[in-house]
Amino acid sequence: MKRLVVKFGLAVCLWYELMAEFHMESGTAFWAAMALVCFGWFAFRMSGPFIGSLGPKTLALLLQSVLWFVLLWWLAPPLWALPLPLDLFVLVVLAVMGARSRVRFELARDGLLARLRRDYSGHIVGAVLLALSPCWISIRLWGSLWPLIGYALLPGLPFLFGWRMVTAPPHDKPDARVGDADDFRDAGLSEER
């Protein structure tokens, strides 16, 4: 019942948007909205097994790539004049930068936050105020934070994808305190599987 209500609500919203934005007659807009909802539902249901076989990392890459190209089309039309391989090269470079940053962060993670608070607390406050200044400029210039969020996501999406794709390097510390090999044998445990 809940899914039927969602589909009905989506059809009503599409119906209204088609009438308001495209100046369609009520009947034509209704049938167009119903066709869009039915086709969308059919495409979503049929793509389920394919999407399920991709795996979460590949699916995240596909969704983030589509979102990145939509943001690029919306916010940076002059960049469309550049060749597509150059845009893809920028995507790959940002993802590699995110992966390298994750590796460096994981290697220096122990005590990093405490050192930052102890040694650079004034710098952190300055960085927070500096990060808030684009918010104020965006509200004054555009009257909204959405363009700023879009511009932040353009380099942020591929960087975050690279950050998440790297597995954390193993720490040098052992997970359990089992002692050395002699203590292991003295406890009567077998080394064979």
N, C-alpha and C. Protein backbone atom coordinates (compact mmCIF):
# COMPACT_ATOMS: atom_id res chain seq x y z
N MET A 1 0.84 -1.20 0.00
CA MET A 1 0.00 0.00 0.00
C MET A 1 0.88 1.25 0.00
N LYS A 2 1.98 1.18 0.77
CA LYS A 2 2.86 2.33 0.86
C LYS A 2 3.49 2.65 -0.50
N ARG A 3 3.88 1.60 -1.24
CA ARG A 3 4.48 1.82 -2.56
C ARG A 3 3.47 2.41 -3.53
N LEU A 4 2.22 1.99 -3.42
CA LEU A 4 1.18 2.54 -4.29
C LEU A 4 0.97 4.02 -4.02
N VAL A 5 1.01 4.41 -2.74
CA VAL A 5 0.86 5.82 -2.38
C VAL A 5 2.03 6.63 -2.92
N VAL A 6 3.25 6.08 -2.84
CA VAL A 6 4.42 6.79 -3.36
C VAL A 6 4.31 6.96 -4.87
N LYS A 7 3.91 5.91 -5.57
CA LYS A 7 3.76 6.01 -7.03
C LYS A 7 2.67 7.01 -7.40
N PHE A 8 1.56 6.99 -6.67
CA PHE A 8 0.47 7.92 -6.94
C PHE A 8 0.93 9.36 -6.68
N GLY A 9 1.65 9.57 -5.57
CA GLY A 9 2.16 10.91 -5.27
C GLY A 9 3.14 11.40 -6.33
N LEU A 10 3.99 10.50 -6.81
CA LEU A 10 4.93 10.86 -7.87
C LEU A 10 4.19 11.20 -9.16
N ALA A 11 3.15 10.43 -9.48
CA ALA A 11 2.37 10.71 -10.69
C ALA A 11 1.68 12.07 -10.59
N VAL A 12 1.13 12.40 -9.42
CA VAL A 12 0.46 13.69 -9.24
C VAL A 12 1.48 14.84 -9.38
N CYS A 13 2.66 14.67 -8.77
CA CYS A 13 3.69 15.72 -8.88
C CYS A 13 4.14 15.89 -10.33
N LEU A 14 4.36 14.78 -11.03
CA LEU A 14 4.74 14.88 -12.44
C LEU A 14 3.64 15.52 -13.28
N TRP A 15 2.41 15.15 -13.00
CA TRP A 15 1.27 15.72 -13.70
C TRP A 15 1.25 17.24 -13.55
N TYR A 16 1.42 17.71 -12.32
CA TYR A 16 1.43 19.15 -12.06
C TYR A 16 2.60 19.83 -12.77
N GLU A 17 3.80 19.22 -12.67
CA GLU A 17 4.97 19.83 -13.29
C GLU A 17 4.84 19.90 -14.81
N LEU A 18 4.28 18.85 -15.42
CA LEU A 18 4.10 18.87 -16.87
C LEU A 18 3.11 19.95 -17.29
N MET A 19 2.06 20.13 -16.48
CA MET A 19 1.10 21.20 -16.80
C MET A 19 1.72 22.57 -16.59
N ALA A 20 2.47 22.75 -15.49
CA ALA A 20 3.00 24.07 -15.15
C ALA A 20 4.20 24.44 -16.01
N GLU A 21 5.14 23.52 -16.18
CA GLU A 21 6.38 23.85 -16.87
C GLU A 21 6.26 23.77 -18.38
N PHE A 22 5.58 22.74 -18.89
CA PHE A 22 5.51 22.53 -20.33
C PHE A 22 4.18 23.00 -20.94
N HIS A 23 3.31 23.58 -20.10
CA HIS A 23 2.03 24.14 -20.54
C HIS A 23 1.21 23.13 -21.33
N MET A 24 1.16 21.89 -20.83
CA MET A 24 0.36 20.85 -21.47
C MET A 24 -1.08 20.94 -20.96
N GLU A 25 -1.97 20.40 -21.75
CA GLU A 25 -3.35 20.30 -21.29
C GLU A 25 -3.42 19.25 -20.19
N SER A 26 -4.46 19.31 -19.40
CA SER A 26 -4.59 18.43 -18.23
C SER A 26 -4.58 16.95 -18.61
N GLY A 27 -5.36 16.57 -19.61
CA GLY A 27 -5.44 15.17 -20.00
C GLY A 27 -4.14 14.64 -20.57
N THR A 28 -3.50 15.43 -21.42
CA THR A 28 -2.22 15.03 -22.01
C THR A 28 -1.16 14.90 -20.93
N ALA A 29 -1.13 15.86 -20.00
CA ALA A 29 -0.15 15.81 -18.92
C ALA A 29 -0.39 14.60 -18.02
N PHE A 30 -1.67 14.25 -17.79
CA PHE A 30 -1.98 13.09 -16.96
C PHE A 30 -1.43 11.81 -17.59
N TRP A 31 -1.71 11.60 -18.88
CA TRP A 31 -1.25 10.38 -19.54
C TRP A 31 0.26 10.35 -19.67
N ALA A 32 0.87 11.50 -19.88
CA ALA A 32 2.34 11.55 -19.94
C ALA A 32 2.95 11.21 -18.58
N ALA A 33 2.34 11.73 -17.49
CA ALA A 33 2.83 11.41 -16.15
C ALA A 33 2.67 9.94 -15.83
N MET A 34 1.52 9.36 -16.21
CA MET A 34 1.31 7.93 -15.97
C MET A 34 2.32 7.09 -16.76
N ALA A 35 2.60 7.48 -18.01
CA ALA A 35 3.57 6.75 -18.82
C ALA A 35 4.96 6.84 -18.22
N LEU A 36 5.33 8.04 -17.72
CA LEU A 36 6.64 8.19 -17.09
C LEU A 36 6.77 7.34 -15.84
N VAL A 37 5.73 7.32 -15.00
CA VAL A 37 5.79 6.52 -13.77
C VAL A 37 5.85 5.04 -14.11
N CYS A 38 5.04 4.59 -15.06
CA CYS A 38 5.04 3.16 -15.42
C CYS A 38 6.37 2.76 -16.04
N PHE A 39 6.90 3.58 -16.96
CA PHE A 39 8.18 3.27 -17.58
C PHE A 39 9.30 3.29 -16.55
N GLY A 40 9.29 4.28 -15.65
CA GLY A 40 10.31 4.35 -14.61
C GLY A 40 10.25 3.15 -13.67
N TRP A 41 9.03 2.76 -13.29
CA TRP A 41 8.89 1.58 -12.42
C TRP A 41 9.38 0.33 -13.13
N PHE A 42 9.03 0.17 -14.41
CA PHE A 42 9.46 -0.99 -15.18
C PHE A 42 10.99 -1.01 -15.32
N ALA A 43 11.59 0.14 -15.66
CA ALA A 43 13.04 0.20 -15.82
C ALA A 43 13.74 -0.08 -14.49
N PHE A 44 13.18 0.42 -13.40
CA PHE A 44 13.79 0.20 -12.09
C PHE A 44 13.71 -1.28 -11.70
N ARG A 45 12.57 -1.91 -11.94
CA ARG A 45 12.40 -3.32 -11.59
C ARG A 45 13.28 -4.23 -12.44
N MET A 46 13.41 -3.91 -13.72
CA MET A 46 14.20 -4.76 -14.61
C MET A 46 15.69 -4.58 -14.39
N SER A 47 16.12 -3.44 -13.89
CA SER A 47 17.55 -3.22 -13.68
C SER A 47 18.01 -3.73 -12.33
N GLY A 48 17.10 -4.22 -11.49
CA GLY A 48 17.48 -4.68 -10.15
C GLY A 48 18.52 -5.78 -10.14
N PRO A 49 18.35 -6.88 -10.89
CA PRO A 49 19.38 -7.92 -10.88
C PRO A 49 20.73 -7.44 -11.39
N PHE A 50 20.70 -6.58 -12.41
CA PHE A 50 21.97 -6.05 -12.93
C PHE A 50 22.67 -5.19 -11.89
N ILE A 51 21.91 -4.31 -11.25
CA ILE A 51 22.49 -3.43 -10.24
C ILE A 51 23.00 -4.24 -9.05
N GLY A 52 22.25 -5.30 -8.68
CA GLY A 52 22.69 -6.14 -7.57
C GLY A 52 23.98 -6.88 -7.85
N SER A 53 24.25 -7.17 -9.11
CA SER A 53 25.47 -7.90 -9.44
C SER A 53 26.69 -7.00 -9.55
N LEU A 54 26.50 -5.69 -9.57
CA LEU A 54 27.64 -4.79 -9.73
C LEU A 54 28.50 -4.70 -8.48
N GLY A 55 27.90 -4.77 -7.32
CA GLY A 55 28.65 -4.59 -6.08
C GLY A 55 28.57 -3.14 -5.63
N PRO A 56 28.75 -2.91 -4.35
CA PRO A 56 28.55 -1.55 -3.82
C PRO A 56 29.57 -0.54 -4.31
N LYS A 57 30.82 -0.94 -4.51
CA LYS A 57 31.83 0.04 -4.93
C LYS A 57 31.62 0.46 -6.38
N THR A 58 31.29 -0.47 -7.24
CA THR A 58 31.06 -0.13 -8.64
C THR A 58 29.79 0.71 -8.78
N LEU A 59 28.76 0.35 -8.04
CA LEU A 59 27.52 1.12 -8.08
C LEU A 59 27.75 2.54 -7.57
N ALA A 60 28.54 2.68 -6.50
CA ALA A 60 28.86 4.02 -5.99
C ALA A 60 29.62 4.82 -7.03
N LEU A 61 30.55 4.18 -7.75
CA LEU A 61 31.29 4.88 -8.80
C LEU A 61 30.36 5.36 -9.90
N LEU A 62 29.44 4.50 -10.34
CA LEU A 62 28.51 4.88 -11.40
C LEU A 62 27.60 6.03 -10.97
N LEU A 63 27.03 5.93 -9.77
CA LEU A 63 26.12 6.98 -9.30
C LEU A 63 26.85 8.30 -9.10
N GLN A 64 28.05 8.24 -8.53
CA GLN A 64 28.79 9.48 -8.32
C GLN A 64 29.26 10.08 -9.63
N SER A 65 29.59 9.25 -10.61
CA SER A 65 30.00 9.77 -11.92
C SER A 65 28.84 10.49 -12.60
N VAL A 66 27.64 9.89 -12.54
CA VAL A 66 26.47 10.54 -13.13
C VAL A 66 26.19 11.87 -12.42
N LEU A 67 26.23 11.87 -11.08
CA LEU A 67 26.01 13.10 -10.33
C LEU A 67 27.07 14.14 -10.66
N TRP A 68 28.32 13.70 -10.83
CA TRP A 68 29.39 14.63 -11.15
C TRP A 68 29.16 15.27 -12.52
N PHE A 69 28.77 14.47 -13.52
CA PHE A 69 28.53 15.03 -14.84
C PHE A 69 27.31 15.96 -14.85
N VAL A 70 26.29 15.66 -14.05
CA VAL A 70 25.14 16.56 -13.94
C VAL A 70 25.56 17.89 -13.32
N LEU A 71 26.37 17.83 -12.26
CA LEU A 71 26.86 19.07 -11.64
C LEU A 71 27.75 19.84 -12.59
N LEU A 72 28.58 19.13 -13.34
CA LEU A 72 29.45 19.79 -14.31
C LEU A 72 28.62 20.49 -15.39
N TRP A 73 27.56 19.83 -15.86
CA TRP A 73 26.69 20.41 -16.87
C TRP A 73 25.94 21.62 -16.32
N TRP A 74 25.53 21.55 -15.04
CA TRP A 74 24.74 22.62 -14.44
C TRP A 74 25.60 23.81 -14.05
N LEU A 75 26.76 23.56 -13.44
CA LEU A 75 27.54 24.64 -12.84
C LEU A 75 28.68 25.15 -13.70
N ALA A 76 29.20 24.33 -14.58
CA ALA A 76 30.39 24.73 -15.31
C ALA A 76 30.24 24.48 -16.80
N PRO A 77 29.28 25.12 -17.47
CA PRO A 77 29.14 24.91 -18.92
C PRO A 77 30.40 25.21 -19.73
N PRO A 78 31.24 26.21 -19.35
CA PRO A 78 32.46 26.43 -20.15
C PRO A 78 33.40 25.22 -20.16
N LEU A 79 33.34 24.39 -19.13
CA LEU A 79 34.22 23.22 -19.11
C LEU A 79 33.77 22.16 -20.10
N TRP A 80 32.52 22.24 -20.59
CA TRP A 80 32.07 21.29 -21.61
C TRP A 80 32.78 21.52 -22.92
N ALA A 81 33.36 22.72 -23.10
CA ALA A 81 34.11 22.97 -24.33
C ALA A 81 35.40 22.16 -24.36
N LEU A 82 35.87 21.74 -23.19
CA LEU A 82 37.06 20.89 -23.13
C LEU A 82 36.71 19.49 -23.61
N PRO A 83 37.67 18.76 -24.12
CA PRO A 83 37.38 17.38 -24.56
C PRO A 83 37.02 16.49 -23.38
N LEU A 84 36.15 15.52 -23.64
CA LEU A 84 35.70 14.61 -22.60
C LEU A 84 36.84 13.82 -21.96
N PRO A 85 37.85 13.37 -22.72
CA PRO A 85 38.97 12.67 -22.06
C PRO A 85 39.69 13.54 -21.03
N LEU A 86 39.74 14.85 -21.26
CA LEU A 86 40.36 15.73 -20.28
C LEU A 86 39.53 15.80 -19.01
N ASP A 87 38.20 15.86 -19.16
CA ASP A 87 37.32 15.84 -17.98
C ASP A 87 37.48 14.53 -17.21
N LEU A 88 37.55 13.42 -17.93
CA LEU A 88 37.76 12.12 -17.26
C LEU A 88 39.12 12.04 -16.60
N PHE A 89 40.14 12.64 -17.21
CA PHE A 89 41.47 12.67 -16.61
C PHE A 89 41.44 13.43 -15.28
N VAL A 90 40.72 14.55 -15.25
CA VAL A 90 40.58 15.31 -14.00
C VAL A 90 39.89 14.46 -12.94
N LEU A 91 38.85 13.71 -13.33
CA LEU A 91 38.17 12.80 -12.40
C LEU A 91 39.14 11.79 -11.81
N VAL A 92 39.96 11.18 -12.65
CA VAL A 92 40.90 10.16 -12.19
C VAL A 92 41.96 10.78 -11.27
N VAL A 93 42.46 11.94 -11.63
CA VAL A 93 43.48 12.60 -10.79
C VAL A 93 42.91 12.93 -9.42
N LEU A 94 41.68 13.43 -9.36
CA LEU A 94 41.06 13.74 -8.07
C LEU A 94 40.84 12.47 -7.24
N ALA A 95 40.45 11.37 -7.88
CA ALA A 95 40.26 10.11 -7.16
C ALA A 95 41.58 9.58 -6.63
N VAL A 96 42.65 9.70 -7.41
CA VAL A 96 43.97 9.25 -6.95
C VAL A 96 44.45 10.12 -5.79
N MET A 97 44.18 11.42 -5.88
CA MET A 97 44.55 12.31 -4.76
C MET A 97 43.81 11.91 -3.49
N GLY A 98 42.54 11.55 -3.61
CA GLY A 98 41.78 11.10 -2.45
C GLY A 98 42.34 9.81 -1.88
N ALA A 99 42.75 8.88 -2.74
CA ALA A 99 43.32 7.61 -2.27
C ALA A 99 44.64 7.84 -1.57
N ARG A 100 45.50 8.68 -2.15
CA ARG A 100 46.79 8.96 -1.51
C ARG A 100 46.59 9.68 -0.18
N SER A 101 45.63 10.59 -0.12
CA SER A 101 45.36 11.29 1.14
C SER A 101 44.89 10.32 2.21
N ARG A 102 44.08 9.33 1.84
CA ARG A 102 43.62 8.34 2.82
C ARG A 102 44.78 7.52 3.35
N VAL A 103 45.70 7.11 2.47
CA VAL A 103 46.85 6.32 2.92
C VAL A 103 47.70 7.13 3.88
N ARG A 104 47.97 8.38 3.54
CA ARG A 104 48.77 9.23 4.44
C ARG A 104 48.06 9.48 5.77
N PHE A 105 46.74 9.68 5.71
CA PHE A 105 45.98 9.89 6.94
C PHE A 105 46.02 8.67 7.84
N GLU A 106 45.85 7.48 7.26
CA GLU A 106 45.86 6.25 8.06
C GLU A 106 47.22 6.00 8.69
N LEU A 107 48.29 6.36 8.00
CA LEU A 107 49.63 6.16 8.56
C LEU A 107 49.92 7.12 9.71
N ALA A 108 49.35 8.31 9.67
CA ALA A 108 49.62 9.32 10.70
C ALA A 108 48.44 9.53 11.63
N ARG A 109 47.48 8.60 11.64
CA ARG A 109 46.24 8.81 12.39
C ARG A 109 46.44 8.79 13.89
N ASP A 110 47.28 7.92 14.40
CA ASP A 110 47.44 7.79 15.85
C ASP A 110 47.99 9.09 16.43
N GLY A 111 47.22 9.73 17.24
CA GLY A 111 47.61 10.95 17.92
C GLY A 111 47.50 12.20 17.06
N LEU A 112 47.01 12.08 15.85
CA LEU A 112 46.92 13.25 14.96
C LEU A 112 45.95 14.28 15.50
N LEU A 113 44.78 13.84 15.94
CA LEU A 113 43.77 14.78 16.43
C LEU A 113 44.25 15.49 17.69
N ALA A 114 44.88 14.75 18.59
CA ALA A 114 45.39 15.37 19.81
C ALA A 114 46.49 16.39 19.49
N ARG A 115 47.37 16.05 18.56
CA ARG A 115 48.42 16.99 18.18
C ARG A 115 47.85 18.24 17.52
N LEU A 116 46.82 18.05 16.68
CA LEU A 116 46.21 19.22 16.04
C LEU A 116 45.57 20.15 17.07
N ARG A 117 44.85 19.57 18.03
CA ARG A 117 44.22 20.41 19.06
C ARG A 117 45.26 21.09 19.94
N ARG A 118 46.33 20.39 20.23
CA ARG A 118 47.34 20.93 21.13
C ARG A 118 48.17 22.02 20.44
N ASP A 119 48.63 21.77 19.23
CA ASP A 119 49.60 22.65 18.61
C ASP A 119 48.97 23.70 17.69
N TYR A 120 47.80 23.40 17.10
CA TYR A 120 47.27 24.27 16.07
C TYR A 120 45.83 24.71 16.34
N SER A 121 45.46 24.93 17.59
CA SER A 121 44.07 25.29 17.89
C SER A 121 43.68 26.63 17.28
N GLY A 122 44.58 27.59 17.28
CA GLY A 122 44.28 28.88 16.66
C GLY A 122 44.11 28.76 15.15
N HIS A 123 44.92 27.91 14.55
CA HIS A 123 44.82 27.69 13.10
C HIS A 123 43.49 27.00 12.75
N ILE A 124 43.04 26.11 13.63
CA ILE A 124 41.78 25.40 13.37
C ILE A 124 40.62 26.38 13.40
N VAL A 125 40.61 27.29 14.37
CA VAL A 125 39.55 28.30 14.43
C VAL A 125 39.58 29.18 13.18
N GLY A 126 40.77 29.57 12.76
CA GLY A 126 40.90 30.37 11.54
C GLY A 126 40.42 29.61 10.30
N ALA A 127 40.71 28.30 10.25
CA ALA A 127 40.27 27.49 9.11
C ALA A 127 38.75 27.36 9.08
N VAL A 128 38.13 27.23 10.27
CA VAL A 128 36.67 27.14 10.32
C VAL A 128 36.04 28.46 9.85
N LEU A 129 36.57 29.58 10.30
CA LEU A 129 36.04 30.88 9.86
C LEU A 129 36.28 31.09 8.37
N LEU A 130 37.43 30.65 7.88
CA LEU A 130 37.72 30.76 6.45
C LEU A 130 36.78 29.87 5.64
N ALA A 131 36.43 28.70 6.19
CA ALA A 131 35.49 27.81 5.49
C ALA A 131 34.07 28.37 5.51
N LEU A 132 33.71 29.14 6.53
CA LEU A 132 32.37 29.73 6.59
C LEU A 132 32.22 30.95 5.68
N SER A 133 33.33 31.59 5.33
CA SER A 133 33.23 32.80 4.49
C SER A 133 32.62 32.52 3.11
N PRO A 134 32.92 31.39 2.43
CA PRO A 134 32.20 31.13 1.16
C PRO A 134 30.69 30.96 1.36
N CYS A 135 30.27 30.47 2.53
CA CYS A 135 28.83 30.37 2.80
C CYS A 135 28.19 31.75 2.82
N TRP A 136 28.84 32.68 3.49
CA TRP A 136 28.30 34.04 3.54
C TRP A 136 28.30 34.67 2.15
N ILE A 137 29.36 34.47 1.40
CA ILE A 137 29.45 35.03 0.05
C ILE A 137 28.37 34.42 -0.85
N SER A 138 28.15 33.11 -0.72
CA SER A 138 27.14 32.44 -1.54
C SER A 138 25.74 32.97 -1.23
N ILE A 139 25.45 33.19 0.03
CA ILE A 139 24.13 33.70 0.40
C ILE A 139 23.96 35.13 -0.11
N ARG A 140 25.02 35.94 -0.05
CA ARG A 140 24.92 37.32 -0.54
C ARG A 140 24.83 37.37 -2.06
N LEU A 141 25.58 36.49 -2.73
CA LEU A 141 25.66 36.54 -4.18
C LEU A 141 24.47 35.85 -4.85
N TRP A 142 24.17 34.62 -4.43
CA TRP A 142 23.12 33.82 -5.07
C TRP A 142 21.84 33.72 -4.26
N GLY A 143 21.91 34.07 -2.98
CA GLY A 143 20.73 33.95 -2.12
C GLY A 143 20.46 32.53 -1.68
N SER A 144 21.40 31.64 -1.88
CA SER A 144 21.22 30.24 -1.54
C SER A 144 22.58 29.58 -1.37
N LEU A 145 22.59 28.46 -0.67
CA LEU A 145 23.82 27.68 -0.50
C LEU A 145 23.96 26.59 -1.56
N TRP A 146 22.91 26.34 -2.36
CA TRP A 146 22.96 25.24 -3.33
C TRP A 146 24.06 25.38 -4.37
N PRO A 147 24.28 26.57 -4.96
CA PRO A 147 25.40 26.66 -5.90
C PRO A 147 26.75 26.38 -5.24
N LEU A 148 26.92 26.83 -4.00
CA LEU A 148 28.16 26.56 -3.29
C LEU A 148 28.33 25.07 -3.03
N ILE A 149 27.25 24.39 -2.66
CA ILE A 149 27.31 22.95 -2.44
C ILE A 149 27.67 22.25 -3.74
N GLY A 150 27.09 22.69 -4.84
CA GLY A 150 27.41 22.10 -6.14
C GLY A 150 28.87 22.29 -6.51
N TYR A 151 29.38 23.51 -6.31
CA TYR A 151 30.79 23.76 -6.63
C TYR A 151 31.72 22.98 -5.71
N ALA A 152 31.31 22.75 -4.47
CA ALA A 152 32.13 21.94 -3.56
C ALA A 152 32.10 20.47 -3.94
N LEU A 153 30.97 20.00 -4.48
CA LEU A 153 30.86 18.60 -4.86
C LEU A 153 31.62 18.28 -6.15
N LEU A 154 31.86 19.28 -7.01
CA LEU A 154 32.58 19.00 -8.25
C LEU A 154 33.94 18.36 -7.99
N PRO A 155 34.82 18.94 -7.17
CA PRO A 155 36.06 18.21 -6.85
C PRO A 155 35.88 17.21 -5.72
N GLY A 156 34.84 17.40 -4.90
CA GLY A 156 34.67 16.57 -3.71
C GLY A 156 34.22 15.15 -4.01
N LEU A 157 33.35 14.95 -4.99
CA LEU A 157 32.85 13.60 -5.28
C LEU A 157 33.96 12.65 -5.71
N PRO A 158 34.79 13.00 -6.70
CA PRO A 158 35.84 12.04 -7.05
C PRO A 158 36.88 11.88 -5.94
N PHE A 159 37.16 12.96 -5.19
CA PHE A 159 38.11 12.85 -4.09
C PHE A 159 37.59 11.89 -3.02
N LEU A 160 36.31 12.02 -2.65
CA LEU A 160 35.74 11.12 -1.65
C LEU A 160 35.64 9.69 -2.15
N PHE A 161 35.42 9.51 -3.44
CA PHE A 161 35.40 8.15 -3.99
C PHE A 161 36.77 7.50 -3.84
N GLY A 162 37.82 8.23 -4.17
CA GLY A 162 39.17 7.70 -3.99
C GLY A 162 39.48 7.43 -2.53
N TRP A 163 39.00 8.29 -1.64
CA TRP A 163 39.20 8.11 -0.20
C TRP A 163 38.56 6.82 0.28
N ARG A 164 37.34 6.54 -0.17
CA ARG A 164 36.63 5.36 0.31
C ARG A 164 37.10 4.07 -0.33
N MET A 165 37.68 4.13 -1.51
CA MET A 165 38.08 2.91 -2.20
C MET A 165 39.34 2.29 -1.62
N VAL A 166 40.15 3.06 -0.93
CA VAL A 166 41.39 2.53 -0.36
C VAL A 166 41.06 1.83 0.95
N THR A 167 41.55 0.61 1.08
CA THR A 167 41.39 -0.08 2.35
C THR A 167 42.44 0.43 3.31
N ALA A 168 42.08 0.47 4.56
CA ALA A 168 43.00 0.98 5.57
C ALA A 168 44.20 0.04 5.68
N PRO A 169 45.42 0.59 5.70
CA PRO A 169 46.57 -0.29 5.84
C PRO A 169 46.57 -0.94 7.22
N PRO A 170 47.10 -2.16 7.32
CA PRO A 170 47.10 -2.83 8.63
C PRO A 170 48.03 -2.11 9.59
N HIS A 171 47.63 -2.09 10.84
CA HIS A 171 48.46 -1.47 11.87
C HIS A 171 49.54 -2.45 12.29
N ASP A 172 50.63 -1.93 12.83
CA ASP A 172 51.74 -2.78 13.25
C ASP A 172 51.43 -3.53 14.53
N LYS A 173 50.47 -3.05 15.29
CA LYS A 173 50.16 -3.69 16.57
C LYS A 173 49.35 -4.96 16.33
N PRO A 174 49.63 -6.03 17.09
CA PRO A 174 48.84 -7.26 16.92
C PRO A 174 47.42 -7.06 17.47
N ASP A 175 46.48 -7.82 16.90
CA ASP A 175 45.10 -7.72 17.34
C ASP A 175 44.89 -8.34 18.72
N ALA A 176 45.57 -9.44 18.99
CA ALA A 176 45.40 -10.14 20.26
C ALA A 176 46.76 -10.33 20.91
N ARG A 177 46.76 -10.43 22.21
CA ARG A 177 48.02 -10.63 22.94
C ARG A 177 48.17 -12.11 23.22
N VAL A 178 48.84 -12.79 22.32
CA VAL A 178 48.99 -14.24 22.47
C VAL A 178 50.40 -14.63 22.90
N GLY A 179 51.30 -13.67 22.97
CA GLY A 179 52.66 -14.00 23.35
C GLY A 179 53.46 -14.46 22.16
N ASP A 180 54.60 -15.06 22.48
CA ASP A 180 55.45 -15.54 21.38
C ASP A 180 55.14 -17.00 21.07
N ALA A 181 55.91 -17.60 20.17
CA ALA A 181 55.63 -18.97 19.71
C ALA A 181 55.82 -19.99 20.82
N ASP A 182 56.78 -19.78 21.73
CA ASP A 182 56.98 -20.73 22.83
C ASP A 182 55.79 -20.75 23.79
N ASP A 183 55.26 -19.58 24.12
CA ASP A 183 54.07 -19.53 24.98
C ASP A 183 52.89 -20.20 24.31
N PHE A 184 52.81 -20.07 23.01
CA PHE A 184 51.73 -20.69 22.25
C PHE A 184 51.81 -22.21 22.35
N ARG A 185 53.03 -22.76 22.22
CA ARG A 185 53.21 -24.21 22.31
C ARG A 185 53.04 -24.70 23.75
N ASP A 186 53.50 -23.93 24.73
CA ASP A 186 53.38 -24.32 26.13
C ASP A 186 51.92 -24.38 26.59
N ALA A 187 51.07 -23.60 25.95
CA ALA A 187 49.65 -23.63 26.31
C ALA A 187 48.96 -24.87 25.76
N GLY A 188 49.67 -25.65 24.95
CA GLY A 188 49.11 -26.86 24.41
C GLY A 188 48.31 -26.66 23.15
N LEU A 189 48.47 -25.51 22.50
CA LEU A 189 47.75 -25.25 21.28
C LEU A 189 48.56 -25.74 20.08
N SER A 190 47.91 -26.28 19.10
CA SER A 190 48.57 -26.83 17.94
C SER A 190 48.79 -25.76 16.89
N GLU A 191 49.90 -25.87 16.21
CA GLU A 191 50.17 -24.93 15.13
C GLU A 191 49.56 -25.38 13.81
N GLU A 192 49.05 -26.62 13.79
CA GLU A 192 48.45 -27.13 12.58
C GLU A 192 46.99 -26.73 12.52
N ARG A 193 46.44 -26.72 11.34
CA ARG A 193 45.03 -26.36 11.19
C ARG A 193 44.20 -27.59 11.10
